[in-house]
Amino acid sequence: MRLPARRALSSETSIFQEFTVAAVCDICAKKPGFGNNRPWSRKITKRRFNPNIQRVRATVNGTPKRMNVCTGCLKAGKVSR
């Protein structure tokens, strides 16, 4: 089954730019790393190492705001809760 080709419209591209990725830290921009699974059978498959992202309520410019923050930034005190 063949699907029709999607046309890239200027309004359509602006919609896709507004979404944020959930596995990215808002403070340090840490994002997933990629590597290989290496089981005992030595069959190599791709895998993804996600950072430990927590959704916390932090104060930004005096107002509380929900942010995606990695635990490294939480431990280092880069976020005021």
Protein backbone atom coordinates (compact mmCIF):
# COMPACT_ATOMS: atom_id res chain seq x y z
CA MET A 1 0.00 0.00 0.00
CA ARG A 2 1.46 3.30 -1.05
CA LEU A 3 0.55 6.51 0.77
CA PRO A 4 0.25 9.86 -1.01
CA ALA A 5 3.15 12.26 -0.59
CA ARG A 6 2.68 15.05 1.97
CA ARG A 7 3.06 18.59 0.79
CA ALA A 8 5.07 20.93 3.00
CA LEU A 9 3.07 24.11 3.50
CA SER A 10 4.42 27.14 5.29
CA SER A 11 1.59 27.01 7.86
CA GLU A 12 2.17 23.29 8.41
CA THR A 13 5.86 23.72 9.20
CA SER A 14 5.13 26.38 11.81
CA ILE A 15 2.79 23.97 13.62
CA PHE A 16 5.51 21.34 13.95
CA GLN A 17 8.03 23.84 15.38
CA GLU A 18 5.83 24.64 18.38
CA PHE A 19 5.99 21.16 19.94
CA THR A 20 8.70 20.38 22.48
CA VAL A 21 10.41 17.05 23.02
CA ALA A 22 9.70 15.43 26.38
CA ALA A 23 13.14 13.82 26.84
CA VAL A 24 15.10 17.10 26.79
CA CYS A 25 16.13 19.10 29.86
CA ASP A 26 14.94 22.71 29.76
CA ILE A 27 18.00 23.89 31.72
CA CYS A 28 21.04 22.14 30.22
CA ALA A 29 19.43 20.77 27.00
CA LYS A 30 20.52 17.23 27.83
CA LYS A 31 18.84 14.85 25.38
CA PRO A 32 18.84 11.12 24.63
CA GLY A 33 22.07 9.41 23.67
CA PHE A 34 22.16 6.52 21.23
CA GLY A 35 24.15 3.31 21.25
CA ASN A 36 23.93 -0.43 20.75
CA ASN A 37 22.48 -3.34 22.70
CA ARG A 38 25.20 -5.98 23.07
CA PRO A 39 23.64 -9.18 24.46
CA TRP A 40 25.49 -12.43 25.05
CA SER A 41 24.50 -13.60 21.56
CA ARG A 42 26.35 -10.53 20.16
CA LYS A 43 23.36 -9.53 18.01
CA ILE A 44 23.72 -5.77 17.82
CA THR A 45 20.54 -3.67 17.87
CA LYS A 46 20.15 0.07 18.31
CA ARG A 47 19.03 1.46 21.66
CA ARG A 48 18.36 4.82 23.24
CA PHE A 49 19.71 6.10 26.58
CA ASN A 50 17.13 8.55 27.93
CA PRO A 51 18.14 11.14 30.56
CA ASN A 52 16.28 11.04 33.87
CA ILE A 53 13.83 13.90 33.21
CA GLN A 54 11.48 15.03 35.97
CA ARG A 55 8.58 17.43 35.49
CA VAL A 56 8.93 19.94 38.36
CA ARG A 57 7.32 23.22 39.33
CA ALA A 58 10.08 25.83 39.35
CA THR A 59 9.95 29.58 39.92
CA VAL A 60 10.96 31.50 36.80
CA ASN A 61 11.00 35.30 37.15
CA GLY A 62 8.94 35.03 40.33
CA THR A 63 6.13 32.92 38.81
CA PRO A 64 5.77 29.14 39.14
CA LYS A 65 6.17 27.25 35.89
CA ARG A 66 6.25 23.54 35.00
CA MET A 67 9.57 22.52 33.47
CA ASN A 68 11.25 19.33 32.28
CA VAL A 69 14.50 19.14 34.29
CA CYS A 70 17.11 16.37 34.48
CA THR A 71 18.10 15.08 37.89
CA GLY A 72 21.65 16.38 37.41
CA CYS A 73 20.32 19.95 37.31
CA LEU A 74 18.08 19.28 40.33
CA LYS A 75 21.03 17.96 42.38
CA ALA A 76 23.27 20.83 41.30
CA GLY A 77 20.69 23.39 42.45
CA LYS A 78 20.25 24.99 39.03
CA VAL A 79 16.46 25.07 39.59
CA SER A 80 14.71 26.92 42.41
CA ARG A 81 11.58 25.02 43.38
